[in-house]
Every structure is written in structure tokens, then in C-alpha cells.
Amino acid sequence: MANIKSAKKRILVTRTKTARNKSIRSEVKTSIKKVEAAVENKDKAAAAAALTDAISTISKAGTKGVYHKNNVSRKVSRLSRLVNSIG
């Protein structure tokens, strides 16, 4: 365990940030799974609605620094291509 005050603070801050990032990542994964499930059922309307929600969630994660902007773009692109493949 750390003895220095600043090191103790860093441990606490890291725990807080880790919990926040984990929560956001979980939310992103859930939204991606919803899109994939709608695509699997070949439900175009539900997939489009889920895609809109997923893009919003993924973009927010990117602006908060949980994901790199290129990672965000890749995730959005893959989901969009998946939804467009239903047609």
C-alpha cells in the first residue's frame, strides 16, 4: 500500500475512473449487441433505431476519452455496414 499522500490519491482517482470507463464500455457493448440482434432477426426498422442509439452511445464514449476516435469510427462504420446489409 502507498505511504505518500499523492500516491494514495492517485489510487483513489484511478479506481473512480476505472469504474466509470467500465460502465461506459459495458453500455457500448450492450448497444452493439442490440443492433446485432435486430440484424440477426432481419428487422430493418428495429436495427435502424438501435443503430441510432448505438452511434450516440459510442460517440459519447469517444468524447469522454474511453475510446480513441479511430476506434469510434471503426465501430460505427461496422455497425452501419451491418444494418445496410439487411436491405
PDB file of N, CA and C in Angstrom:
ATOM      1  N   MET A   1       0.849  -1.197   0.000  1.00  0.00           N
ATOM      2  CA  MET A   1       0.000   0.000   0.000  1.00  0.00           C
ATOM      3  C   MET A   1       0.878   1.239   0.000  1.00  0.00           C
ATOM      4  N   ALA A   2       0.403   2.273  -0.664  1.00  0.00           N
ATOM      5  CA  ALA A   2       1.168   3.515  -0.781  1.00  0.00           C
ATOM      6  C   ALA A   2       1.217   4.259   0.552  1.00  0.00           C
ATOM      7  N   ASN A   3       2.342   4.909   0.794  1.00  0.00           N
ATOM      8  CA  ASN A   3       2.509   5.702   2.016  1.00  0.00           C
ATOM      9  C   ASN A   3       2.393   7.189   1.746  1.00  0.00           C
ATOM     10  N   ILE A   4       2.716   7.605   0.540  1.00  0.00           N
ATOM     11  CA  ILE A   4       2.722   9.022   0.198  1.00  0.00           C
ATOM     12  C   ILE A   4       1.308   9.476  -0.138  1.00  0.00           C
ATOM     13  N   LYS A   5       0.972  10.678   0.332  1.00  0.00           N
ATOM     14  CA  LYS A   5      -0.384  11.193   0.173  1.00  0.00           C
ATOM     15  C   LYS A   5      -0.816  11.265  -1.291  1.00  0.00           C
ATOM     16  N   SER A   6       0.059  11.741  -2.159  1.00  0.00           N
ATOM     17  CA  SER A   6      -0.288  11.873  -3.572  1.00  0.00           C
ATOM     18  C   SER A   6      -0.495  10.506  -4.220  1.00  0.00           C
ATOM     19  N   ALA A   7       0.272   9.521  -3.782  1.00  0.00           N
ATOM     20  CA  ALA A   7       0.118   8.171  -4.321  1.00  0.00           C
ATOM     21  C   ALA A   7      -1.219   7.574  -3.891  1.00  0.00           C
ATOM     22  N   LYS A   8      -1.623   7.840  -2.661  1.00  0.00           N
ATOM     23  CA  LYS A   8      -2.923   7.368  -2.169  1.00  0.00           C
ATOM     24  C   LYS A   8      -4.049   7.990  -2.982  1.00  0.00           C
ATOM     25  N   LYS A   9      -3.894   9.291  -3.265  1.00  0.00           N
ATOM     26  CA  LYS A   9      -4.910   9.987  -4.050  1.00  0.00           C
ATOM     27  C   LYS A   9      -4.997   9.397  -5.456  1.00  0.00           C
ATOM     28  N   ARG A  10      -3.856   9.119  -6.069  1.00  0.00           N
ATOM     29  CA  ARG A  10      -3.837   8.544  -7.412  1.00  0.00           C
ATOM     30  C   ARG A  10      -4.574   7.208  -7.437  1.00  0.00           C
ATOM     31  N   ILE A  11      -4.401   6.405  -6.398  1.00  0.00           N
ATOM     32  CA  ILE A  11      -5.086   5.114  -6.312  1.00  0.00           C
ATOM     33  C   ILE A  11      -6.597   5.329  -6.299  1.00  0.00           C
ATOM     34  N   LEU A  12      -7.057   6.278  -5.504  1.00  0.00           N
ATOM     35  CA  LEU A  12      -8.495   6.553  -5.418  1.00  0.00           C
ATOM     36  C   LEU A  12      -9.046   7.069  -6.741  1.00  0.00           C
ATOM     37  N   VAL A  13      -8.306   8.002  -7.357  1.00  0.00           N
ATOM     38  CA  VAL A  13      -8.751   8.582  -8.623  1.00  0.00           C
ATOM     39  C   VAL A  13      -8.796   7.516  -9.711  1.00  0.00           C
ATOM     40  N   THR A  14      -7.798   6.644  -9.728  1.00  0.00           N
ATOM     41  CA  THR A  14      -7.743   5.574 -10.718  1.00  0.00           C
ATOM     42  C   THR A  14      -8.922   4.619 -10.562  1.00  0.00           C
ATOM     43  N   ARG A  15      -9.265   4.297  -9.311  1.00  0.00           N
ATOM     44  CA  ARG A  15     -10.428   3.422  -9.075  1.00  0.00           C
ATOM     45  C   ARG A  15     -11.702   4.054  -9.621  1.00  0.00           C
ATOM     46  N   THR A  16     -11.874   5.346  -9.367  1.00  0.00           N
ATOM     47  CA  THR A  16     -13.059   6.058  -9.827  1.00  0.00           C
ATOM     48  C   THR A  16     -13.137   6.052 -11.349  1.00  0.00           C
ATOM     49  N   LYS A  17     -12.029   6.396 -12.000  1.00  0.00           N
ATOM     50  CA  LYS A  17     -12.004   6.450 -13.461  1.00  0.00           C
ATOM     51  C   LYS A  17     -12.209   5.065 -14.072  1.00  0.00           C
ATOM     52  N   THR A  18     -11.628   4.050 -13.450  1.00  0.00           N
ATOM     53  CA  THR A  18     -11.768   2.689 -13.950  1.00  0.00           C
ATOM     54  C   THR A  18     -13.226   2.252 -13.908  1.00  0.00           C
ATOM     55  N   ALA A  19     -13.903   2.566 -12.813  1.00  0.00           N
ATOM     56  CA  ALA A  19     -15.316   2.208 -12.683  1.00  0.00           C
ATOM     57  C   ALA A  19     -16.156   2.925 -13.739  1.00  0.00           C
ATOM     58  N   ARG A  20     -15.864   4.202 -13.965  1.00  0.00           N
ATOM     59  CA  ARG A  20     -16.596   4.993 -14.947  1.00  0.00           C
ATOM     60  C   ARG A  20     -16.379   4.430 -16.355  1.00  0.00           C
ATOM     61  N   ASN A  21     -15.120   4.156 -16.691  1.00  0.00           N
ATOM     62  CA  ASN A  21     -14.799   3.621 -18.020  1.00  0.00           C
ATOM     63  C   ASN A  21     -15.436   2.257 -18.238  1.00  0.00           C
ATOM     64  N   LYS A  22     -15.428   1.436 -17.196  1.00  0.00           N
ATOM     65  CA  LYS A  22     -16.013   0.094 -17.300  1.00  0.00           C
ATOM     66  C   LYS A  22     -17.510   0.189 -17.570  1.00  0.00           C
ATOM     67  N   SER A  23     -18.163   1.109 -16.893  1.00  0.00           N
ATOM     68  CA  SER A  23     -19.597   1.312 -17.070  1.00  0.00           C
ATOM     69  C   SER A  23     -19.905   1.764 -18.500  1.00  0.00           C
ATOM     70  N   ILE A  24     -19.118   2.702 -18.999  1.00  0.00           N
ATOM     71  CA  ILE A  24     -19.341   3.231 -20.349  1.00  0.00           C
ATOM     72  C   ILE A  24     -19.083   2.151 -21.391  1.00  0.00           C
ATOM     73  N   ARG A  25     -18.009   1.372 -21.219  1.00  0.00           N
ATOM     74  CA  ARG A  25     -17.691   0.290 -22.152  1.00  0.00           C
ATOM     75  C   ARG A  25     -18.817  -0.749 -22.176  1.00  0.00           C
ATOM     76  N   SER A  26     -19.351  -1.047 -21.010  1.00  0.00           N
ATOM     77  CA  SER A  26     -20.438  -2.013 -20.903  1.00  0.00           C
ATOM     78  C   SER A  26     -21.670  -1.512 -21.657  1.00  0.00           C
ATOM     79  N   GLU A  27     -21.954  -0.228 -21.514  1.00  0.00           N
ATOM     80  CA  GLU A  27     -23.097   0.378 -22.191  1.00  0.00           C
ATOM     81  C   GLU A  27     -22.929   0.297 -23.713  1.00  0.00           C
ATOM     82  N   VAL A  28     -21.703   0.548 -24.179  1.00  0.00           N
ATOM     83  CA  VAL A  28     -21.419   0.478 -25.613  1.00  0.00           C
ATOM     84  C   VAL A  28     -21.614  -0.947 -26.126  1.00  0.00           C
ATOM     85  N   LYS A  29     -21.086  -1.923 -25.389  1.00  0.00           N
ATOM     86  CA  LYS A  29     -21.213  -3.322 -25.805  1.00  0.00           C
ATOM     87  C   LYS A  29     -22.673  -3.742 -25.873  1.00  0.00           C
ATOM     88  N   THR A  30     -23.474  -3.296 -24.910  1.00  0.00           N
ATOM     89  CA  THR A  30     -24.897  -3.625 -24.889  1.00  0.00           C
ATOM     90  C   THR A  30     -25.599  -3.046 -26.113  1.00  0.00           C
ATOM     91  N   SER A  31     -25.296  -1.799 -26.446  1.00  0.00           N
ATOM     92  CA  SER A  31     -25.949  -1.166 -27.598  1.00  0.00           C
ATOM     93  C   SER A  31     -25.543  -1.854 -28.901  1.00  0.00           C
ATOM     94  N   ILE A  32     -24.297  -2.309 -28.984  1.00  0.00           N
ATOM     95  CA  ILE A  32     -23.840  -3.036 -30.173  1.00  0.00           C
ATOM     96  C   ILE A  32     -24.579  -4.371 -30.286  1.00  0.00           C
ATOM     97  N   LYS A  33     -24.749  -5.048 -29.154  1.00  0.00           N
ATOM     98  CA  LYS A  33     -25.455  -6.336 -29.161  1.00  0.00           C
ATOM     99  C   LYS A  33     -26.908  -6.167 -29.594  1.00  0.00           C
ATOM    100  N   LYS A  34     -27.534  -5.060 -29.223  1.00  0.00           N
ATOM    101  CA  LYS A  34     -28.917  -4.807 -29.618  1.00  0.00           C
ATOM    102  C   LYS A  34     -29.024  -4.658 -31.137  1.00  0.00           C
ATOM    103  N   VAL A  35     -28.056  -3.949 -31.723  1.00  0.00           N
ATOM    104  CA  VAL A  35     -28.057  -3.781 -33.181  1.00  0.00           C
ATOM    105  C   VAL A  35     -27.866  -5.139 -33.855  1.00  0.00           C
ATOM    106  N   GLU A  36     -26.899  -5.900 -33.367  1.00  0.00           N
ATOM    107  CA  GLU A  36     -26.613  -7.215 -33.964  1.00  0.00           C
ATOM    108  C   GLU A  36     -27.814  -8.157 -33.851  1.00  0.00           C
ATOM    109  N   ALA A  37     -28.519  -8.092 -32.726  1.00  0.00           N
ATOM    110  CA  ALA A  37     -29.700  -8.937 -32.541  1.00  0.00           C
ATOM    111  C   ALA A  37     -30.799  -8.558 -33.528  1.00  0.00           C
ATOM    112  N   ALA A  38     -30.996  -7.252 -33.733  1.00  0.00           N
ATOM    113  CA  ALA A  38     -32.019  -6.794 -34.673  1.00  0.00           C
ATOM    114  C   ALA A  38     -31.662  -7.210 -36.095  1.00  0.00           C
ATOM    115  N   VAL A  39     -30.378  -7.149 -36.428  1.00  0.00           N
ATOM    116  CA  VAL A  39     -29.936  -7.550 -37.766  1.00  0.00           C
ATOM    117  C   VAL A  39     -30.131  -9.056 -37.958  1.00  0.00           C
ATOM    118  N   GLU A  40     -29.839  -9.807 -36.913  1.00  0.00           N
ATOM    119  CA  GLU A  40     -29.990 -11.260 -36.981  1.00  0.00           C
ATOM    120  C   GLU A  40     -31.452 -11.660 -37.223  1.00  0.00           C
ATOM    121  N   ASN A  41     -32.375 -10.869 -36.639  1.00  0.00           N
ATOM    122  CA  ASN A  41     -33.804 -11.123 -36.837  1.00  0.00           C
ATOM    123  C   ASN A  41     -34.332 -10.505 -38.124  1.00  0.00           C
ATOM    124  N   LYS A  42     -33.446  -9.850 -38.868  1.00  0.00           N
ATOM    125  CA  LYS A  42     -33.770  -9.190 -40.140  1.00  0.00           C
ATOM    126  C   LYS A  42     -34.888  -8.148 -39.981  1.00  0.00           C
ATOM    127  N   ASP A  43     -34.859  -7.442 -38.857  1.00  0.00           N
ATOM    128  CA  ASP A  43     -35.833  -6.386 -38.575  1.00  0.00           C
ATOM    129  C   ASP A  43     -35.188  -5.033 -38.882  1.00  0.00           C
ATOM    130  N   LYS A  44     -35.442  -4.537 -40.080  1.00  0.00           N
ATOM    131  CA  LYS A  44     -34.788  -3.313 -40.568  1.00  0.00           C
ATOM    132  C   LYS A  44     -35.104  -2.096 -39.699  1.00  0.00           C
ATOM    133  N   ALA A  45     -36.368  -1.935 -39.311  1.00  0.00           N
ATOM    134  CA  ALA A  45     -36.767  -0.762 -38.520  1.00  0.00           C
ATOM    135  C   ALA A  45     -36.120  -0.780 -37.138  1.00  0.00           C
ATOM    136  N   ALA A  46     -36.161  -1.932 -36.486  1.00  0.00           N
ATOM    137  CA  ALA A  46     -35.554  -2.045 -35.155  1.00  0.00           C
ATOM    138  C   ALA A  46     -34.045  -1.871 -35.230  1.00  0.00           C
ATOM    139  N   ALA A  47     -33.448  -2.398 -36.292  1.00  0.00           N
ATOM    140  CA  ALA A  47     -31.994  -2.271 -36.457  1.00  0.00           C
ATOM    141  C   ALA A  47     -31.603  -0.812 -36.655  1.00  0.00           C
ATOM    142  N   ALA A  48     -32.390  -0.078 -37.437  1.00  0.00           N
ATOM    143  CA  ALA A  48     -32.097   1.338 -37.674  1.00  0.00           C
ATOM    144  C   ALA A  48     -32.227   2.147 -36.387  1.00  0.00           C
ATOM    145  N   ALA A  49     -33.251   1.844 -35.603  1.00  0.00           N
ATOM    146  CA  ALA A  49     -33.442   2.544 -34.326  1.00  0.00           C
ATOM    147  C   ALA A  49     -32.317   2.215 -33.352  1.00  0.00           C
ATOM    148  N   ALA A  50     -31.950   0.940 -33.296  1.00  0.00           N
ATOM    149  CA  ALA A  50     -30.861   0.521 -32.411  1.00  0.00           C
ATOM    150  C   ALA A  50     -29.537   1.115 -32.869  1.00  0.00           C
ATOM    151  N   LEU A  51     -29.366   1.243 -34.187  1.00  0.00           N
ATOM    152  CA  LEU A  51     -28.128   1.832 -34.728  1.00  0.00           C
ATOM    153  C   LEU A  51     -27.989   3.284 -34.301  1.00  0.00           C
ATOM    154  N   THR A  52     -29.073   4.038 -34.380  1.00  0.00           N
ATOM    155  CA  THR A  52     -29.048   5.443 -33.971  1.00  0.00           C
ATOM    156  C   THR A  52     -28.640   5.567 -32.508  1.00  0.00           C
ATOM    157  N   ASP A  53     -29.222   4.723 -31.672  1.00  0.00           N
ATOM    158  CA  ASP A  53     -28.890   4.722 -30.241  1.00  0.00           C
ATOM    159  C   ASP A  53     -27.436   4.315 -30.022  1.00  0.00           C
ATOM    160  N   ALA A  54     -26.987   3.315 -30.760  1.00  0.00           N
ATOM    161  CA  ALA A  54     -25.614   2.818 -30.607  1.00  0.00           C
ATOM    162  C   ALA A  54     -24.598   3.874 -31.035  1.00  0.00           C
ATOM    163  N   ILE A  55     -24.869   4.556 -32.140  1.00  0.00           N
ATOM    164  CA  ILE A  55     -23.948   5.596 -32.614  1.00  0.00           C
ATOM    165  C   ILE A  55     -23.821   6.694 -31.573  1.00  0.00           C
ATOM    166  N   SER A  56     -24.943   7.068 -30.980  1.00  0.00           N
ATOM    167  CA  SER A  56     -24.932   8.088 -29.935  1.00  0.00           C
ATOM    168  C   SER A  56     -24.089   7.642 -28.743  1.00  0.00           C
ATOM    169  N   THR A  57     -24.308   6.426 -28.292  1.00  0.00           N
ATOM    170  CA  THR A  57     -23.581   5.890 -27.139  1.00  0.00           C
ATOM    171  C   THR A  57     -22.086   5.786 -27.421  1.00  0.00           C
ATOM    172  N   ILE A  58     -21.740   5.299 -28.602  1.00  0.00           N
ATOM    173  CA  ILE A  58     -20.332   5.138 -28.969  1.00  0.00           C
ATOM    174  C   ILE A  58     -19.642   6.496 -29.090  1.00  0.00           C
ATOM    175  N   SER A  59     -20.328   7.457 -29.678  1.00  0.00           N
ATOM    176  CA  SER A  59     -19.749   8.793 -29.838  1.00  0.00           C
ATOM    177  C   SER A  59     -19.496   9.456 -28.491  1.00  0.00           C
ATOM    178  N   LYS A  60     -20.442   9.289 -27.568  1.00  0.00           N
ATOM    179  CA  LYS A  60     -20.264   9.841 -26.219  1.00  0.00           C
ATOM    180  C   LYS A  60     -19.052   9.220 -25.540  1.00  0.00           C
ATOM    181  N   ALA A  61     -18.878   7.911 -25.719  1.00  0.00           N
ATOM    182  CA  ALA A  61     -17.728   7.225 -25.139  1.00  0.00           C
ATOM    183  C   ALA A  61     -16.431   7.784 -25.723  1.00  0.00           C
ATOM    184  N   GLY A  62     -16.470   8.130 -27.014  1.00  0.00           N
ATOM    185  CA  GLY A  62     -15.290   8.708 -27.665  1.00  0.00           C
ATOM    186  C   GLY A  62     -14.961  10.089 -27.135  1.00  0.00           C
ATOM    187  N   THR A  63     -15.988  10.915 -26.917  1.00  0.00           N
ATOM    188  CA  THR A  63     -15.727  12.275 -26.429  1.00  0.00           C
ATOM    189  C   THR A  63     -15.264  12.275 -24.977  1.00  0.00           C
ATOM    190  N   LYS A  64     -15.640  11.227 -24.229  1.00  0.00           N
ATOM    191  CA  LYS A  64     -15.214  11.138 -22.829  1.00  0.00           C
ATOM    192  C   LYS A  64     -13.832  10.513 -22.687  1.00  0.00           C
ATOM    193  N   GLY A  65     -13.259  10.078 -23.809  1.00  0.00           N
ATOM    194  CA  GLY A  65     -11.906   9.545 -23.774  1.00  0.00           C
ATOM    195  C   GLY A  65     -11.811   8.075 -23.454  1.00  0.00           C
ATOM    196  N   VAL A  66     -12.939   7.379 -23.488  1.00  0.00           N
ATOM    197  CA  VAL A  66     -12.919   5.948 -23.204  1.00  0.00           C
ATOM    198  C   VAL A  66     -12.383   5.196 -24.417  1.00  0.00           C
ATOM    199  N   TYR A  67     -12.773   5.649 -25.626  1.00  0.00           N
ATOM    200  CA  TYR A  67     -12.299   5.057 -26.869  1.00  0.00           C
ATOM    201  C   TYR A  67     -11.583   6.118 -27.696  1.00  0.00           C
ATOM    202  N   HIS A  68     -10.607   5.700 -28.488  1.00  0.00           N
ATOM    203  CA  HIS A  68      -9.915   6.585 -29.421  1.00  0.00           C
ATOM    204  C   HIS A  68     -10.860   6.892 -30.574  1.00  0.00           C
ATOM    205  N   LYS A  69     -10.686   8.058 -31.185  1.00  0.00           N
ATOM    206  CA  LYS A  69     -11.610   8.476 -32.244  1.00  0.00           C
ATOM    207  C   LYS A  69     -11.637   7.505 -33.421  1.00  0.00           C
ATOM    208  N   ASN A  70     -10.499   6.900 -33.746  1.00  0.00           N
ATOM    209  CA  ASN A  70     -10.474   5.931 -34.847  1.00  0.00           C
ATOM    210  C   ASN A  70     -11.235   4.661 -34.476  1.00  0.00           C
ATOM    211  N   ASN A  71     -11.144   4.276 -33.220  1.00  0.00           N
ATOM    212  CA  ASN A  71     -11.879   3.106 -32.732  1.00  0.00           C
ATOM    213  C   ASN A  71     -13.383   3.381 -32.816  1.00  0.00           C
ATOM    214  N   VAL A  72     -13.766   4.597 -32.446  1.00  0.00           N
ATOM    215  CA  VAL A  72     -15.178   5.000 -32.520  1.00  0.00           C
ATOM    216  C   VAL A  72     -15.659   4.924 -33.969  1.00  0.00           C
ATOM    217  N   SER A  73     -14.865   5.485 -34.873  1.00  0.00           N
ATOM    218  CA  SER A  73     -15.236   5.484 -36.290  1.00  0.00           C
ATOM    219  C   SER A  73     -15.373   4.064 -36.825  1.00  0.00           C
ATOM    220  N   ARG A  74     -14.456   3.197 -36.428  1.00  0.00           N
ATOM    221  CA  ARG A  74     -14.486   1.810 -36.896  1.00  0.00           C
ATOM    222  C   ARG A  74     -15.739   1.091 -36.405  1.00  0.00           C
ATOM    223  N   LYS A  75     -16.067   1.284 -35.128  1.00  0.00           N
ATOM    224  CA  LYS A  75     -17.253   0.637 -34.568  1.00  0.00           C
ATOM    225  C   LYS A  75     -18.522   1.112 -35.280  1.00  0.00           C
ATOM    226  N   VAL A  76     -18.635   2.416 -35.475  1.00  0.00           N
ATOM    227  CA  VAL A  76     -19.814   2.987 -36.134  1.00  0.00           C
ATOM    228  C   VAL A  76     -19.911   2.480 -37.575  1.00  0.00           C
ATOM    229  N   SER A  77     -18.775   2.460 -38.257  1.00  0.00           N
ATOM    230  CA  SER A  77     -18.753   2.020 -39.646  1.00  0.00           C
ATOM    231  C   SER A  77     -19.185   0.566 -39.770  1.00  0.00           C
ATOM    232  N   ARG A  78     -18.675  -0.282 -38.921  1.00  0.00           N
ATOM    233  CA  ARG A  78     -19.023  -1.711 -38.966  1.00  0.00           C
ATOM    234  C   ARG A  78     -20.503  -1.937 -38.702  1.00  0.00           C
ATOM    235  N   LEU A  79     -21.030  -1.202 -37.710  1.00  0.00           N
ATOM    236  CA  LEU A  79     -22.461  -1.346 -37.411  1.00  0.00           C
ATOM    237  C   LEU A  79     -23.335  -0.851 -38.554  1.00  0.00           C
ATOM    238  N   SER A  80     -22.947   0.280 -39.137  1.00  0.00           N
ATOM    239  CA  SER A  80     -23.713   0.841 -40.256  1.00  0.00           C
ATOM    240  C   SER A  80     -23.723  -0.120 -41.432  1.00  0.00           C
ATOM    241  N   ARG A  81     -22.556  -0.698 -41.720  1.00  0.00           N
ATOM    242  CA  ARG A  81     -22.454  -1.647 -42.828  1.00  0.00           C
ATOM    243  C   ARG A  81     -23.313  -2.889 -42.559  1.00  0.00           C
ATOM    244  N   LEU A  82     -23.344  -3.296 -41.293  1.00  0.00           N
ATOM    245  CA  LEU A  82     -24.136  -4.461 -40.894  1.00  0.00           C
ATOM    246  C   LEU A  82     -25.627  -4.199 -41.111  1.00  0.00           C
ATOM    247  N   VAL A  83     -26.083  -3.018 -40.698  1.00  0.00           N
ATOM    248  CA  VAL A  83     -27.502  -2.663 -40.849  1.00  0.00           C
ATOM    249  C   VAL A  83     -27.866  -2.517 -42.329  1.00  0.00           C
ATOM    250  N   ASN A  84     -26.958  -1.937 -43.103  1.00  0.00           N
ATOM    251  CA  ASN A  84     -27.234  -1.754 -44.533  1.00  0.00           C
ATOM    252  C   ASN A  84     -27.252  -3.074 -45.285  1.00  0.00           C
ATOM    253  N   SER A  85     -26.656  -4.102 -44.720  1.00  0.00           N
ATOM    254  CA  SER A  85     -26.622  -5.403 -45.397  1.00  0.00           C
ATOM    255  C   SER A  85     -27.981  -6.114 -45.341  1.00  0.00           C
ATOM    256  N   ILE A  86     -28.877  -5.636 -44.502  1.00  0.00           N
ATOM    257  CA  ILE A  86     -30.211  -6.261 -44.386  1.00  0.00           C
ATOM    258  C   ILE A  86     -30.988  -6.093 -45.687  1.00  0.00           C
ATOM    259  N   GLY A  87     -31.010  -4.821 -46.170  1.00  0.00           N
ATOM    260  CA  GLY A  87     -31.784  -4.415 -47.336  1.00  0.00           C
ATOM    261  C   GLY A  87     -31.969  -5.398 -48.403  1.00  0.00           C
TER     262      GLY A  87
END
